[in-house]
Amino acid sequence: MIFLDRKRLRAMGQSAAWLLGRRRRIRVVGDSMVPTLVAGEFVLVDRRRPVVGQLAVADHPTQPDLLVVKRVRSITDDGRYVLASDNPVDGTDSRTWGPVEPQSIIGTVTLVLDRPSAEW
């Protein structure tokens, strides 16, 4: 008999959602979210709006071809998102760009995938 814990069941469900096109896979680059995320990891992103404390993926406010993964620090009264790096020394965030508009939010990180091994 095989037993699966909740974490593995959740990961399987998120992976299935990705295979069905219901999640977007994004690769982490840089150290702005260390220790939560490290360069080379992949995250799965759901289109739902994040809440305070969750990881969000957003369009970079000044570089249109770049996405950022940041933690939602707060949401302003006018609905804009204040995004923060978990490693503020190595990253830019709302301290630099200010709050981002809701339409800039791509979605919420639902799963962090392990970094691919060097054997791949």
PDB file of N, CA and C in Angstrom:
ATOM      1  N   MET A   1       0.849  -1.172   0.000  1.00  0.00           N
ATOM      2  CA  MET A   1       0.000   0.000   0.000  1.00  0.00           C
ATOM      3  C   MET A   1       0.899   1.241   0.000  1.00  0.00           C
ATOM      4  N   ILE A   2       0.526   2.242  -0.784  1.00  0.00           N
ATOM      5  CA  ILE A   2       1.294   3.476  -0.871  1.00  0.00           C
ATOM      6  C   ILE A   2       0.521   4.588  -0.179  1.00  0.00           C
ATOM      7  N   PHE A   3       1.219   5.299   0.695  1.00  0.00           N
ATOM      8  CA  PHE A   3       0.615   6.429   1.374  1.00  0.00           C
ATOM      9  C   PHE A   3       1.262   7.709   0.872  1.00  0.00           C
ATOM     10  N   LEU A   4       0.457   8.711   0.614  1.00  0.00           N
ATOM     11  CA  LEU A   4       0.957  10.012   0.201  1.00  0.00           C
ATOM     12  C   LEU A   4       0.563  11.047   1.238  1.00  0.00           C
ATOM     13  N   ASP A   5       1.508  11.870   1.628  1.00  0.00           N
ATOM     14  CA  ASP A   5       1.173  12.928   2.569  1.00  0.00           C
ATOM     15  C   ASP A   5       0.511  14.091   1.825  1.00  0.00           C
ATOM     16  N   ARG A   6      -0.018  15.029   2.569  1.00  0.00           N
ATOM     17  CA  ARG A   6      -0.735  16.154   1.962  1.00  0.00           C
ATOM     18  C   ARG A   6       0.148  16.978   1.043  1.00  0.00           C
ATOM     19  N   LYS A   7       1.410  17.152   1.423  1.00  0.00           N
ATOM     20  CA  LYS A   7       2.326  17.942   0.604  1.00  0.00           C
ATOM     21  C   LYS A   7       2.500  17.306  -0.775  1.00  0.00           C
ATOM     22  N   ARG A   8       2.682  16.005  -0.810  1.00  0.00           N
ATOM     23  CA  ARG A   8       2.850  15.322  -2.096  1.00  0.00           C
ATOM     24  C   ARG A   8       1.562  15.323  -2.909  1.00  0.00           C
ATOM     25  N   LEU A   9       0.427  15.148  -2.251  1.00  0.00           N
ATOM     26  CA  LEU A   9      -0.848  15.204  -2.964  1.00  0.00           C
ATOM     27  C   LEU A   9      -1.076  16.587  -3.568  1.00  0.00           C
ATOM     28  N   ARG A  10      -0.741  17.629  -2.807  1.00  0.00           N
ATOM     29  CA  ARG A  10      -0.884  18.996  -3.307  1.00  0.00           C
ATOM     30  C   ARG A  10       0.027  19.214  -4.510  1.00  0.00           C
ATOM     31  N   ALA A  11       1.267  18.740  -4.407  1.00  0.00           N
ATOM     32  CA  ALA A  11       2.216  18.893  -5.514  1.00  0.00           C
ATOM     33  C   ALA A  11       1.714  18.163  -6.761  1.00  0.00           C
ATOM     34  N   MET A  12       1.148  16.991  -6.578  1.00  0.00           N
ATOM     35  CA  MET A  12       0.617  16.241  -7.715  1.00  0.00           C
ATOM     36  C   MET A  12      -0.540  16.997  -8.367  1.00  0.00           C
ATOM     37  N   GLY A  13      -1.411  17.584  -7.554  1.00  0.00           N
ATOM     38  CA  GLY A  13      -2.536  18.350  -8.080  1.00  0.00           C
ATOM     39  C   GLY A  13      -2.079  19.584  -8.844  1.00  0.00           C
ATOM     40  N   GLN A  14      -1.088  20.286  -8.293  1.00  0.00           N
ATOM     41  CA  GLN A  14      -0.569  21.478  -8.969  1.00  0.00           C
ATOM     42  C   GLN A  14       0.133  21.096 -10.275  1.00  0.00           C
ATOM     43  N   SER A  15       0.871  19.997 -10.245  1.00  0.00           N
ATOM     44  CA  SER A  15       1.549  19.536 -11.464  1.00  0.00           C
ATOM     45  C   SER A  15       0.542  19.151 -12.537  1.00  0.00           C
ATOM     46  N   ALA A  16      -0.529  18.500 -12.131  1.00  0.00           N
ATOM     47  CA  ALA A  16      -1.581  18.150 -13.085  1.00  0.00           C
ATOM     48  C   ALA A  16      -2.214  19.415 -13.667  1.00  0.00           C
ATOM     49  N   ALA A  17      -2.425  20.421 -12.828  1.00  0.00           N
ATOM     50  CA  ALA A  17      -2.990  21.685 -13.309  1.00  0.00           C
ATOM     51  C   ALA A  17      -2.053  22.336 -14.330  1.00  0.00           C
ATOM     52  N   TRP A  18      -0.749  22.227 -14.108  1.00  0.00           N
ATOM     53  CA  TRP A  18       0.223  22.775 -15.067  1.00  0.00           C
ATOM     54  C   TRP A  18       0.139  22.011 -16.394  1.00  0.00           C
ATOM     55  N   LEU A  19       0.094  20.686 -16.306  1.00  0.00           N
ATOM     56  CA  LEU A  19       0.005  19.875 -17.527  1.00  0.00           C
ATOM     57  C   LEU A  19      -1.262  20.177 -18.324  1.00  0.00           C
ATOM     58  N   LEU A  20      -2.321  20.563 -17.621  1.00  0.00           N
ATOM     59  CA  LEU A  20      -3.584  20.894 -18.281  1.00  0.00           C
ATOM     60  C   LEU A  20      -3.652  22.359 -18.721  1.00  0.00           C
ATOM     61  N   GLY A  21      -2.572  23.102 -18.504  1.00  0.00           N
ATOM     62  CA  GLY A  21      -2.530  24.499 -18.921  1.00  0.00           C
ATOM     63  C   GLY A  21      -3.167  25.469 -17.951  1.00  0.00           C
ATOM     64  N   ARG A  22      -3.407  25.029 -16.721  1.00  0.00           N
ATOM     65  CA  ARG A  22      -4.043  25.891 -15.726  1.00  0.00           C
ATOM     66  C   ARG A  22      -3.047  26.581 -14.803  1.00  0.00           C
ATOM     67  N   ARG A  23      -1.789  26.282 -14.961  1.00  0.00           N
ATOM     68  CA  ARG A  23      -0.721  26.934 -14.210  1.00  0.00           C
ATOM     69  C   ARG A  23       0.368  27.330 -15.193  1.00  0.00           C
ATOM     70  N   ARG A  24       1.111  28.338 -14.822  1.00  0.00           N
ATOM     71  CA  ARG A  24       2.233  28.802 -15.635  1.00  0.00           C
ATOM     72  C   ARG A  24       3.511  28.496 -14.865  1.00  0.00           C
ATOM     73  N   ARG A  25       4.523  28.006 -15.562  1.00  0.00           N
ATOM     74  CA  ARG A  25       5.803  27.672 -14.915  1.00  0.00           C
ATOM     75  C   ARG A  25       6.791  28.793 -15.206  1.00  0.00           C
ATOM     76  N   ILE A  26       7.437  29.275 -14.144  1.00  0.00           N
ATOM     77  CA  ILE A  26       8.395  30.371 -14.270  1.00  0.00           C
ATOM     78  C   ILE A  26       9.669  29.992 -13.529  1.00  0.00           C
ATOM     79  N   ARG A  27      10.809  30.289 -14.161  1.00  0.00           N
ATOM     80  CA  ARG A  27      12.112  29.993 -13.557  1.00  0.00           C
ATOM     81  C   ARG A  27      12.600  31.190 -12.761  1.00  0.00           C
ATOM     82  N   VAL A  28      13.121  30.927 -11.580  1.00  0.00           N
ATOM     83  CA  VAL A  28      13.650  31.970 -10.706  1.00  0.00           C
ATOM     84  C   VAL A  28      15.071  32.311 -11.134  1.00  0.00           C
ATOM     85  N   VAL A  29      15.342  33.608 -11.246  1.00  0.00           N
ATOM     86  CA  VAL A  29      16.674  34.104 -11.578  1.00  0.00           C
ATOM     87  C   VAL A  29      17.037  35.136 -10.523  1.00  0.00           C
ATOM     88  N   GLY A  30      18.236  35.070  -9.992  1.00  0.00           N
ATOM     89  CA  GLY A  30      18.680  36.063  -9.018  1.00  0.00           C
ATOM     90  C   GLY A  30      18.450  35.645  -7.587  1.00  0.00           C
ATOM     91  N   ASP A  31      18.920  36.490  -6.675  1.00  0.00           N
ATOM     92  CA  ASP A  31      18.920  36.168  -5.243  1.00  0.00           C
ATOM     93  C   ASP A  31      17.959  37.009  -4.416  1.00  0.00           C
ATOM     94  N   SER A  32      17.053  37.725  -5.037  1.00  0.00           N
ATOM     95  CA  SER A  32      16.196  38.636  -4.276  1.00  0.00           C
ATOM     96  C   SER A  32      15.213  37.930  -3.353  1.00  0.00           C
ATOM     97  N   MET A  33      14.946  36.648  -3.579  1.00  0.00           N
ATOM     98  CA  MET A  33      13.982  35.935  -2.739  1.00  0.00           C
ATOM     99  C   MET A  33      14.617  34.840  -1.882  1.00  0.00           C
ATOM    100  N   VAL A  34      15.951  34.823  -1.794  1.00  0.00           N
ATOM    101  CA  VAL A  34      16.645  33.878  -0.911  1.00  0.00           C
ATOM    102  C   VAL A  34      16.273  34.219   0.528  1.00  0.00           C
ATOM    103  N   PRO A  35      15.964  33.303   1.396  1.00  0.00           N
ATOM    104  CA  PRO A  35      16.099  31.856   1.283  1.00  0.00           C
ATOM    105  C   PRO A  35      14.853  31.141   0.761  1.00  0.00           C
ATOM    106  N   THR A  36      13.760  31.862   0.532  1.00  0.00           N
ATOM    107  CA  THR A  36      12.525  31.215   0.090  1.00  0.00           C
ATOM    108  C   THR A  36      12.680  30.577  -1.276  1.00  0.00           C
ATOM    109  N   LEU A  37      13.267  31.312  -2.208  1.00  0.00           N
ATOM    110  CA  LEU A  37      13.493  30.828  -3.567  1.00  0.00           C
ATOM    111  C   LEU A  37      14.945  31.073  -3.937  1.00  0.00           C
ATOM    112  N   VAL A  38      15.528  30.129  -4.649  1.00  0.00           N
ATOM    113  CA  VAL A  38      16.908  30.302  -5.103  1.00  0.00           C
ATOM    114  C   VAL A  38      16.946  30.188  -6.620  1.00  0.00           C
ATOM    115  N   ALA A  39      17.963  30.806  -7.197  1.00  0.00           N
ATOM    116  CA  ALA A  39      18.116  30.801  -8.651  1.00  0.00           C
ATOM    117  C   ALA A  39      18.113  29.369  -9.172  1.00  0.00           C
ATOM    118  N   GLY A  40      17.385  29.153 -10.248  1.00  0.00           N
ATOM    119  CA  GLY A  40      17.304  27.838 -10.858  1.00  0.00           C
ATOM    120  C   GLY A  40      16.043  27.076 -10.511  1.00  0.00           C
ATOM    121  N   GLU A  41      15.376  27.451  -9.430  1.00  0.00           N
ATOM    122  CA  GLU A  41      14.124  26.792  -9.084  1.00  0.00           C
ATOM    123  C   GLU A  41      13.028  27.260 -10.039  1.00  0.00           C
ATOM    124  N   PHE A  42      12.006  26.444 -10.160  1.00  0.00           N
ATOM    125  CA  PHE A  42      10.825  26.813 -10.927  1.00  0.00           C
ATOM    126  C   PHE A  42       9.655  26.953  -9.969  1.00  0.00           C
ATOM    127  N   VAL A  43       8.743  27.853 -10.298  1.00  0.00           N
ATOM    128  CA  VAL A  43       7.512  27.984  -9.527  1.00  0.00           C
ATOM    129  C   VAL A  43       6.335  27.823 -10.473  1.00  0.00           C
ATOM    130  N   LEU A  44       5.238  27.315  -9.932  1.00  0.00           N
ATOM    131  CA  LEU A  44       3.990  27.263 -10.682  1.00  0.00           C
ATOM    132  C   LEU A  44       3.124  28.408 -10.205  1.00  0.00           C
ATOM    133  N   VAL A  45       2.461  29.070 -11.141  1.00  0.00           N
ATOM    134  CA  VAL A  45       1.706  30.277 -10.847  1.00  0.00           C
ATOM    135  C   VAL A  45       0.251  30.109 -11.278  1.00  0.00           C
ATOM    136  N   ASP A  46      -0.644  30.405 -10.361  1.00  0.00           N
ATOM    137  CA  ASP A  46      -2.081  30.405 -10.624  1.00  0.00           C
ATOM    138  C   ASP A  46      -2.502  31.849 -10.913  1.00  0.00           C
ATOM    139  N   ARG A  47      -3.499  32.049 -11.723  1.00  0.00           N
ATOM    140  CA  ARG A  47      -3.931  33.396 -12.096  1.00  0.00           C
ATOM    141  C   ARG A  47      -4.647  34.149 -10.988  1.00  0.00           C
ATOM    142  N   ARG A  48      -4.962  33.499  -9.907  1.00  0.00           N
ATOM    143  CA  ARG A  48      -5.679  34.172  -8.824  1.00  0.00           C
ATOM    144  C   ARG A  48      -4.854  35.300  -8.216  1.00  0.00           C
ATOM    145  N   ARG A  49      -5.510  36.296  -7.695  1.00  0.00           N
ATOM    146  CA  ARG A  49      -4.845  37.417  -7.042  1.00  0.00           C
ATOM    147  C   ARG A  49      -4.282  36.962  -5.694  1.00  0.00           C
ATOM    148  N   PRO A  50      -3.056  37.348  -5.391  1.00  0.00           N
ATOM    149  CA  PRO A  50      -2.471  36.978  -4.105  1.00  0.00           C
ATOM    150  C   PRO A  50      -3.021  37.838  -2.973  1.00  0.00           C
ATOM    151  N   VAL A  51      -2.868  37.321  -1.778  1.00  0.00           N
ATOM    152  CA  VAL A  51      -3.208  38.080  -0.575  1.00  0.00           C
ATOM    153  C   VAL A  51      -1.910  38.404   0.158  1.00  0.00           C
ATOM    154  N   VAL A  52      -2.006  39.253   1.146  1.00  0.00           N
ATOM    155  CA  VAL A  52      -0.830  39.660   1.913  1.00  0.00           C
ATOM    156  C   VAL A  52      -0.122  38.430   2.479  1.00  0.00           C
ATOM    157  N   GLY A  53       1.194  38.399   2.283  1.00  0.00           N
ATOM    158  CA  GLY A  53       2.012  37.294   2.769  1.00  0.00           C
ATOM    159  C   GLY A  53       2.337  36.259   1.713  1.00  0.00           C
ATOM    160  N   GLN A  54       1.538  36.187   0.657  1.00  0.00           N
ATOM    161  CA  GLN A  54       1.790  35.208  -0.398  1.00  0.00           C
ATOM    162  C   GLN A  54       2.823  35.713  -1.391  1.00  0.00           C
ATOM    163  N   LEU A  55       3.397  34.768  -2.139  1.00  0.00           N
ATOM    164  CA  LEU A  55       4.316  35.126  -3.218  1.00  0.00           C
ATOM    165  C   LEU A  55       3.508  35.428  -4.468  1.00  0.00           C
ATOM    166  N   ALA A  56       3.870  36.523  -5.121  1.00  0.00           N
ATOM    167  CA  ALA A  56       3.179  36.953  -6.336  1.00  0.00           C
ATOM    168  C   ALA A  56       4.167  37.058  -7.478  1.00  0.00           C
ATOM    169  N   VAL A  57       3.670  36.858  -8.684  1.00  0.00           N
ATOM    170  CA  VAL A  57       4.442  37.114  -9.895  1.00  0.00           C
ATOM    171  C   VAL A  57       3.787  38.316 -10.556  1.00  0.00           C
ATOM    172  N   ALA A  58       4.633  39.282 -10.944  1.00  0.00           N
ATOM    173  CA  ALA A  58       4.118  40.516 -11.527  1.00  0.00           C
ATOM    174  C   ALA A  58       5.014  40.965 -12.673  1.00  0.00           C
ATOM    175  N   ASP A  59       4.443  41.777 -13.541  1.00  0.00           N
ATOM    176  CA  ASP A  59       5.247  42.444 -14.563  1.00  0.00           C
ATOM    177  C   ASP A  59       6.154  43.444 -13.858  1.00  0.00           C
ATOM    178  N   HIS A  60       7.418  43.509 -14.281  1.00  0.00           N
ATOM    179  CA  HIS A  60       8.340  44.493 -13.720  1.00  0.00           C
ATOM    180  C   HIS A  60       7.850  45.885 -14.118  1.00  0.00           C
ATOM    181  N   PRO A  61       7.771  46.832 -13.192  1.00  0.00           N
ATOM    182  CA  PRO A  61       7.218  48.153 -13.504  1.00  0.00           C
ATOM    183  C   PRO A  61       8.015  48.970 -14.523  1.00  0.00           C
ATOM    184  N   THR A  62       9.315  48.727 -14.629  1.00  0.00           N
ATOM    185  CA  THR A  62      10.114  49.549 -15.548  1.00  0.00           C
ATOM    186  C   THR A  62      10.747  48.757 -16.693  1.00  0.00           C
ATOM    187  N   GLN A  63      10.670  47.422 -16.632  1.00  0.00           N
ATOM    188  CA  GLN A  63      11.225  46.576 -17.688  1.00  0.00           C
ATOM    189  C   GLN A  63      10.124  45.645 -18.187  1.00  0.00           C
ATOM    190  N   PRO A  64       9.441  46.033 -19.270  1.00  0.00           N
ATOM    191  CA  PRO A  64       8.243  45.317 -19.711  1.00  0.00           C
ATOM    192  C   PRO A  64       8.431  43.844 -20.046  1.00  0.00           C
ATOM    193  N   ASP A  65       9.628  43.418 -20.402  1.00  0.00           N
ATOM    194  CA  ASP A  65       9.840  42.018 -20.770  1.00  0.00           C
ATOM    195  C   ASP A  65      10.270  41.147 -19.590  1.00  0.00           C
ATOM    196  N   LEU A  66      10.199  41.679 -18.390  1.00  0.00           N
ATOM    197  CA  LEU A  66      10.696  40.974 -17.212  1.00  0.00           C
ATOM    198  C   LEU A  66       9.562  40.735 -16.220  1.00  0.00           C
ATOM    199  N   LEU A  67       9.541  39.532 -15.649  1.00  0.00           N
ATOM    200  CA  LEU A  67       8.617  39.222 -14.565  1.00  0.00           C
ATOM    201  C   LEU A  67       9.399  39.185 -13.265  1.00  0.00           C
ATOM    202  N   VAL A  68       8.736  39.514 -12.164  1.00  0.00           N
ATOM    203  CA  VAL A  68       9.365  39.447 -10.851  1.00  0.00           C
ATOM    204  C   VAL A  68       8.529  38.559  -9.940  1.00  0.00           C
ATOM    205  N   VAL A  69       9.213  37.874  -9.030  1.00  0.00           N
ATOM    206  CA  VAL A  69       8.542  37.103  -7.984  1.00  0.00           C
ATOM    207  C   VAL A  69       8.860  37.813  -6.674  1.00  0.00           C
ATOM    208  N   LYS A  70       7.824  38.259  -5.986  1.00  0.00           N
ATOM    209  CA  LYS A  70       7.982  39.006  -4.741  1.00  0.00           C
ATOM    210  C   LYS A  70       6.894  38.609  -3.764  1.00  0.00           C
ATOM    211  N   ARG A  71       7.103  38.949  -2.505  1.00  0.00           N
ATOM    212  CA  ARG A  71       6.097  38.710  -1.480  1.00  0.00           C
ATOM    213  C   ARG A  71       5.183  39.927  -1.379  1.00  0.00           C
ATOM    214  N   VAL A  72       3.885  39.681  -1.255  1.00  0.00           N
ATOM    215  CA  VAL A  72       2.942  40.782  -1.081  1.00  0.00           C
ATOM    216  C   VAL A  72       3.062  41.267   0.368  1.00  0.00           C
ATOM    217  N   ARG A  73       3.575  42.484   0.518  1.00  0.00           N
ATOM    218  CA  ARG A  73       3.752  43.071   1.859  1.00  0.00           C
ATOM    219  C   ARG A  73       2.431  43.671   2.345  1.00  0.00           C
ATOM    220  N   SER A  74       1.737  44.368   1.429  1.00  0.00           N
ATOM    221  CA  SER A  74       0.441  44.956   1.781  1.00  0.00           C
ATOM    222  C   SER A  74      -0.283  45.338   0.494  1.00  0.00           C
ATOM    223  N   ILE A  75      -1.540  45.688   0.666  1.00  0.00           N
ATOM    224  CA  ILE A  75      -2.340  46.179  -0.448  1.00  0.00           C
ATOM    225  C   ILE A  75      -2.871  47.541  -0.021  1.00  0.00           C
ATOM    226  N   THR A  76      -2.635  48.530  -0.844  1.00  0.00           N
ATOM    227  CA  THR A  76      -3.025  49.894  -0.483  1.00  0.00           C
ATOM    228  C   THR A  76      -4.538  50.059  -0.562  1.00  0.00           C
ATOM    229  N   ASP A  77      -5.030  51.172  -0.018  1.00  0.00           N
ATOM    230  CA  ASP A  77      -6.472  51.441  -0.035  1.00  0.00           C
ATOM    231  C   ASP A  77      -7.030  51.527  -1.455  1.00  0.00           C
ATOM    232  N   ASP A  78      -6.184  51.930  -2.406  1.00  0.00           N
ATOM    233  CA  ASP A  78      -6.655  52.019  -3.795  1.00  0.00           C
ATOM    234  C   ASP A  78      -6.398  50.729  -4.583  1.00  0.00           C
ATOM    235  N   GLY A  79      -6.018  49.627  -3.891  1.00  0.00           N
ATOM    236  CA  GLY A  79      -5.904  48.316  -4.525  1.00  0.00           C
ATOM    237  C   GLY A  79      -4.563  47.987  -5.137  1.00  0.00           C
ATOM    238  N   ARG A  80      -3.565  48.865  -4.977  1.00  0.00           N
ATOM    239  CA  ARG A  80      -2.240  48.569  -5.520  1.00  0.00           C
ATOM    240  C   ARG A  80      -1.478  47.665  -4.550  1.00  0.00           C
ATOM    241  N   TYR A  81      -0.545  46.898  -5.111  1.00  0.00           N
ATOM    242  CA  TYR A  81       0.206  45.903  -4.342  1.00  0.00           C
ATOM    243  C   TYR A  81       1.582  46.432  -3.970  1.00  0.00           C
ATOM    244  N   VAL A  82       1.914  46.334  -2.692  1.00  0.00           N
ATOM    245  CA  VAL A  82       3.256  46.653  -2.215  1.00  0.00           C
ATOM    246  C   VAL A  82       4.010  45.324  -2.170  1.00  0.00           C
ATOM    247  N   LEU A  83       5.038  45.196  -3.023  1.00  0.00           N
ATOM    248  CA  LEU A  83       5.790  43.954  -3.153  1.00  0.00           C
ATOM    249  C   LEU A  83       7.149  44.096  -2.502  1.00  0.00           C
ATOM    250  N   ALA A  84       7.611  43.006  -1.866  1.00  0.00           N
ATOM    251  CA  ALA A  84       8.881  43.047  -1.145  1.00  0.00           C
ATOM    252  C   ALA A  84       9.731  41.826  -1.462  1.00  0.00           C
ATOM    253  N   SER A  85      11.034  42.040  -1.496  1.00  0.00           N
ATOM    254  CA  SER A  85      12.005  40.952  -1.635  1.00  0.00           C
ATOM    255  C   SER A  85      12.200  40.312  -0.268  1.00  0.00           C
ATOM    256  N   ASP A  86      12.363  38.993  -0.231  1.00  0.00           N
ATOM    257  CA  ASP A  86      12.712  38.338   1.027  1.00  0.00           C
ATOM    258  C   ASP A  86      14.167  38.623   1.393  1.00  0.00           C
ATOM    259  N   ASN A  87      14.964  38.982   0.400  1.00  0.00           N
ATOM    260  CA  ASN A  87      16.376  39.313   0.586  1.00  0.00           C
ATOM    261  C   ASN A  87      16.581  40.743   0.045  1.00  0.00           C
ATOM    262  N   PRO A  88      16.190  41.748   0.824  1.00  0.00           N
ATOM    263  CA  PRO A  88      16.178  43.113   0.300  1.00  0.00           C
ATOM    264  C   PRO A  88      17.543  43.664  -0.113  1.00  0.00           C
ATOM    265  N   VAL A  89      18.618  43.080   0.401  1.00  0.00           N
ATOM    266  CA  VAL A  89      19.952  43.539   0.024  1.00  0.00           C
ATOM    267  C   VAL A  89      20.242  43.231  -1.439  1.00  0.00           C
ATOM    268  N   ASP A  90      19.712  42.113  -1.944  1.00  0.00           N
ATOM    269  CA  ASP A  90      19.994  41.676  -3.310  1.00  0.00           C
ATOM    270  C   ASP A  90      18.827  41.855  -4.274  1.00  0.00           C
ATOM    271  N   GLY A  91      17.879  42.705  -3.933  1.00  0.00           N
ATOM    272  CA  GLY A  91      16.752  42.846  -4.839  1.00  0.00           C
ATOM    273  C   GLY A  91      16.114  44.215  -4.788  1.00  0.00           C
ATOM    274  N   THR A  92      15.409  44.525  -5.851  1.00  0.00           N
ATOM    275  CA  THR A  92      14.599  45.734  -5.869  1.00  0.00           C
ATOM    276  C   THR A  92      13.140  45.325  -5.730  1.00  0.00           C
ATOM    277  N   ASP A  93      12.345  46.230  -5.230  1.00  0.00           N
ATOM    278  CA  ASP A  93      10.940  45.944  -5.010  1.00  0.00           C
ATOM    279  C   ASP A  93      10.190  47.264  -4.896  1.00  0.00           C
ATOM    280  N   SER A  94       9.062  47.272  -4.216  1.00  0.00           N
ATOM    281  CA  SER A  94       8.257  48.486  -4.109  1.00  0.00           C
ATOM    282  C   SER A  94       8.979  49.627  -3.388  1.00  0.00           C
ATOM    283  N   ARG A  95      10.042  49.320  -2.683  1.00  0.00           N
ATOM    284  CA  ARG A  95      10.851  50.405  -2.093  1.00  0.00           C
ATOM    285  C   ARG A  95      11.430  51.265  -3.205  1.00  0.00           C
ATOM    286  N   THR A  96      11.726  50.647  -4.349  1.00  0.00           N
ATOM    287  CA  THR A  96      12.300  51.354  -5.488  1.00  0.00           C
ATOM    288  C   THR A  96      11.223  51.857  -6.438  1.00  0.00           C
ATOM    289  N   TRP A  97      10.255  50.979  -6.811  1.00  0.00           N
ATOM    290  CA  TRP A  97       9.277  51.334  -7.837  1.00  0.00           C
ATOM    291  C   TRP A  97       7.961  51.841  -7.299  1.00  0.00           C
ATOM    292  N   GLY A  98       7.708  51.664  -6.011  1.00  0.00           N
ATOM    293  CA  GLY A  98       6.400  51.991  -5.458  1.00  0.00           C
ATOM    294  C   GLY A  98       5.438  50.838  -5.663  1.00  0.00           C
ATOM    295  N   PRO A  99       4.212  50.993  -5.172  1.00  0.00           N
ATOM    296  CA  PRO A  99       3.209  49.930  -5.332  1.00  0.00           C
ATOM    297  C   PRO A  99       2.897  49.696  -6.810  1.00  0.00           C
ATOM    298  N   VAL A 100       2.533  48.451  -7.143  1.00  0.00           N
ATOM    299  CA  VAL A 100       2.211  48.116  -8.528  1.00  0.00           C
ATOM    300  C   VAL A 100       0.694  48.002  -8.700  1.00  0.00           C
ATOM    301  N   GLU A 101       0.262  48.300  -9.894  1.00  0.00           N
ATOM    302  CA  GLU A 101      -1.169  48.251 -10.220  1.00  0.00           C
ATOM    303  C   GLU A 101      -1.667  46.803 -10.238  1.00  0.00           C
ATOM    304  N   PRO A 102      -2.926  46.582  -9.903  1.00  0.00           N
ATOM    305  CA  PRO A 102      -3.466  45.216  -9.898  1.00  0.00           C
ATOM    306  C   PRO A 102      -3.329  44.505 -11.242  1.00  0.00           C
ATOM    307  N   GLN A 103      -3.433  45.226 -12.345  1.00  0.00           N
ATOM    308  CA  GLN A 103      -3.324  44.589 -13.663  1.00  0.00           C
ATOM    309  C   GLN A 103      -1.904  44.115 -13.957  1.00  0.00           C
ATOM    310  N   SER A 104      -0.925  44.539 -13.150  1.00  0.00           N
ATOM    311  CA  SER A 104       0.458  44.069 -13.303  1.00  0.00           C
ATOM    312  C   SER A 104       0.689  42.721 -12.646  1.00  0.00           C
ATOM    313  N   ILE A 105      -0.227  42.293 -11.805  1.00  0.00           N
ATOM    314  CA  ILE A 105      -0.096  41.020 -11.101  1.00  0.00           C
ATOM    315  C   ILE A 105      -0.492  39.890 -12.043  1.00  0.00           C
ATOM    316  N   ILE A 106       0.446  38.962 -12.259  1.00  0.00           N
ATOM    317  CA  ILE A 106       0.194  37.790 -13.113  1.00  0.00           C
ATOM    318  C   ILE A 106      -0.554  36.723 -12.323  1.00  0.00           C
ATOM    319  N   GLY A 107      -0.163  36.527 -11.055  1.00  0.00           N
ATOM    320  CA  GLY A 107      -0.827  35.525 -10.241  1.00  0.00           C
ATOM    321  C   GLY A 107      -0.070  35.208  -8.968  1.00  0.00           C
ATOM    322  N   THR A 108      -0.478  34.123  -8.346  1.00  0.00           N
ATOM    323  CA  THR A 108       0.049  33.677  -7.064  1.00  0.00           C
ATOM    324  C   THR A 108       0.889  32.419  -7.255  1.00  0.00           C
ATOM    325  N   VAL A 109       2.033  32.369  -6.604  1.00  0.00           N
ATOM    326  CA  VAL A 109       2.856  31.157  -6.634  1.00  0.00           C
ATOM    327  C   VAL A 109       2.139  30.080  -5.834  1.00  0.00           C
ATOM    328  N   THR A 110       1.907  28.930  -6.478  1.00  0.00           N
ATOM    329  CA  THR A 110       1.197  27.835  -5.817  1.00  0.00           C
ATOM    330  C   THR A 110       2.106  26.675  -5.443  1.00  0.00           C
ATOM    331  N   LEU A 111       3.266  26.590  -6.094  1.00  0.00           N
ATOM    332  CA  LEU A 111       4.167  25.475  -5.812  1.00  0.00           C
ATOM    333  C   LEU A 111       5.580  25.853  -6.221  1.00  0.00           C
ATOM    334  N   VAL A 112       6.537  25.507  -5.369  1.00  0.00           N
ATOM    335  CA  VAL A 112       7.956  25.670  -5.705  1.00  0.00           C
ATOM    336  C   VAL A 112       8.482  24.297  -6.069  1.00  0.00           C
ATOM    337  N   LEU A 113       9.024  24.188  -7.291  1.00  0.00           N
ATOM    338  CA  LEU A 113       9.572  22.923  -7.752  1.00  0.00           C
ATOM    339  C   LEU A 113      11.053  22.872  -7.405  1.00  0.00           C
ATOM    340  N   ASP A 114      11.549  21.707  -7.100  1.00  0.00           N
ATOM    341  CA  ASP A 114      12.980  21.561  -6.810  1.00  0.00           C
ATOM    342  C   ASP A 114      13.814  21.947  -8.004  1.00  0.00           C
ATOM    343  N   ARG A 115      15.010  22.432  -7.697  1.00  0.00           N
ATOM    344  CA  ARG A 115      15.955  22.734  -8.780  1.00  0.00           C
ATOM    345  C   ARG A 115      16.292  21.462  -9.516  1.00  0.00           C
ATOM    346  N   PRO A 116      16.442  21.534 -10.845  1.00  0.00           N
ATOM    347  CA  PRO A 116      16.843  20.343 -11.584  1.00  0.00           C
ATOM    348  C   PRO A 116      18.254  19.927 -11.161  1.00  0.00           C
ATOM    349  N   SER A 117      18.466  18.651 -11.098  1.00  0.00           N
ATOM    350  CA  SER A 117      19.793  18.179 -10.693  1.00  0.00           C
ATOM    351  C   SER A 117      20.775  18.330 -11.846  1.00  0.00           C
ATOM    352  N   ALA A 118      22.049  18.300 -11.520  1.00  0.00           N
ATOM    353  CA  ALA A 118      23.098  18.424 -12.536  1.00  0.00           C
ATOM    354  C   ALA A 118      23.107  17.217 -13.467  1.00  0.00           C
ATOM    355  N   GLU A 119      22.483  16.117 -13.046  1.00  0.00           N
ATOM    356  CA  GLU A 119      22.451  14.904 -13.856  1.00  0.00           C
ATOM    357  C   GLU A 119      21.504  15.043 -15.043  1.00  0.00           C
ATOM    358  N   TRP A 120      20.580  15.993 -15.009  1.00  0.00           N
ATOM    359  CA  TRP A 120      19.627  16.163 -16.101  1.00  0.00           C
ATOM    360  C   TRP A 120      20.374  16.744 -17.240  1.00  0.00           C
TER     361      TRP A 120
END
